Amino acid sequence: MDLLWFILIGIAAGWLAGQITKGGGFGLVGDLVVGVIGALLGGFLFSAIGLATYGLLGSLFTATVGAVVLLYGLKLIKR
């Protein structure tokens, strides 16, 4: 069941990050990949600065922040 929540949060976070950064999603698989990598990156960044989130909304927030950072980083590298 935890894997299912991880996948659903990854999809939602990837979609939200796409809306925040460029105004569109990346398709189901693209949103999932961006969201999962964003969740890992967000967890690393939050632990590095000493922040912790709890619950479903906390996980979604962490994954979304990580995904936005990932997309902005990729946009900077692409230039």
Protein backbone atom coordinates (compact mmCIF):
# COMPACT_ATOMS: atom_id res chain seq x y z
CA MET A 1 0.00 0.00 0.00
CA ASP A 2 2.89 2.37 0.72
CA LEU A 3 4.19 1.87 -2.82
CA LEU A 4 0.81 2.85 -4.21
CA TRP A 5 0.79 6.07 -2.15
CA PHE A 6 4.36 6.81 -3.26
CA ILE A 7 3.34 6.44 -6.91
CA LEU A 8 0.19 8.57 -6.50
CA ILE A 9 2.08 11.30 -4.66
CA GLY A 10 4.80 11.18 -7.33
CA ILE A 11 2.24 11.65 -10.11
CA ALA A 12 0.53 14.50 -8.28
CA ALA A 13 3.82 16.21 -7.40
CA GLY A 14 5.11 15.92 -10.97
CA TRP A 15 1.89 17.39 -12.32
CA LEU A 16 1.93 20.24 -9.78
CA ALA A 17 5.57 21.01 -10.53
CA GLY A 18 4.77 21.10 -14.26
CA GLN A 19 1.95 23.55 -13.59
CA ILE A 20 4.19 25.75 -11.43
CA THR A 21 7.20 25.84 -13.74
CA LYS A 22 5.88 25.88 -17.27
CA GLY A 23 2.12 25.64 -17.19
CA GLY A 24 1.68 22.04 -18.30
CA GLY A 25 2.14 18.43 -17.33
CA PHE A 26 4.44 15.84 -18.87
CA GLY A 27 2.01 12.97 -19.30
CA LEU A 28 1.40 10.25 -16.74
CA VAL A 29 4.80 8.58 -16.96
CA GLY A 30 6.68 11.89 -17.17
CA ASP A 31 4.83 13.27 -14.15
CA LEU A 32 5.60 10.08 -12.23
CA VAL A 33 9.32 10.24 -13.04
CA VAL A 34 9.58 13.94 -12.19
CA GLY A 35 7.57 13.43 -9.00
CA VAL A 36 9.57 10.44 -7.77
CA ILE A 37 12.93 12.09 -8.43
CA GLY A 38 11.50 15.26 -6.89
CA ALA A 39 10.44 13.34 -3.78
CA LEU A 40 13.96 12.00 -3.34
CA LEU A 41 15.51 15.42 -3.98
CA GLY A 42 13.00 17.20 -1.74
CA GLY A 43 13.60 14.73 1.09
CA PHE A 44 17.35 15.28 0.80
CA LEU A 45 17.01 19.08 0.71
CA PHE A 46 14.57 19.22 3.61
CA SER A 47 16.74 16.97 5.79
CA ALA A 48 19.84 19.00 4.87
CA ILE A 49 18.25 22.19 6.22
CA GLY A 50 16.61 20.46 9.18
CA LEU A 51 12.96 20.55 8.11
CA ALA A 52 10.54 17.67 8.49
CA THR A 53 7.05 17.17 7.07
CA TYR A 54 4.48 14.65 8.21
CA GLY A 55 1.50 12.97 6.66
CA LEU A 56 0.14 12.82 3.16
CA LEU A 57 0.14 16.58 2.56
CA GLY A 58 3.65 16.90 3.95
CA SER A 59 4.87 14.22 1.56
CA LEU A 60 3.11 15.91 -1.33
CA PHE A 61 4.64 19.28 -0.38
CA THR A 62 8.14 17.82 -0.08
CA ALA A 63 7.87 15.99 -3.40
CA THR A 64 6.47 19.06 -5.16
CA VAL A 65 9.22 21.34 -3.86
CA GLY A 66 11.84 18.80 -4.93
CA ALA A 67 10.25 18.43 -8.37
CA VAL A 68 10.14 22.22 -8.87
CA VAL A 69 13.82 22.46 -7.90
CA LEU A 70 14.58 19.62 -10.31
CA LEU A 71 12.74 21.27 -13.20
CA TYR A 72 14.33 24.66 -12.59
CA GLY A 73 17.75 23.00 -12.40
CA LEU A 74 17.13 21.20 -15.68
CA LYS A 75 15.96 24.46 -17.26
CA LEU A 76 19.20 26.18 -16.17
CA ILE A 77 21.35 23.33 -17.53
CA LYS A 78 19.43 23.33 -20.81
CA ARG A 79 20.39 26.95 -21.53
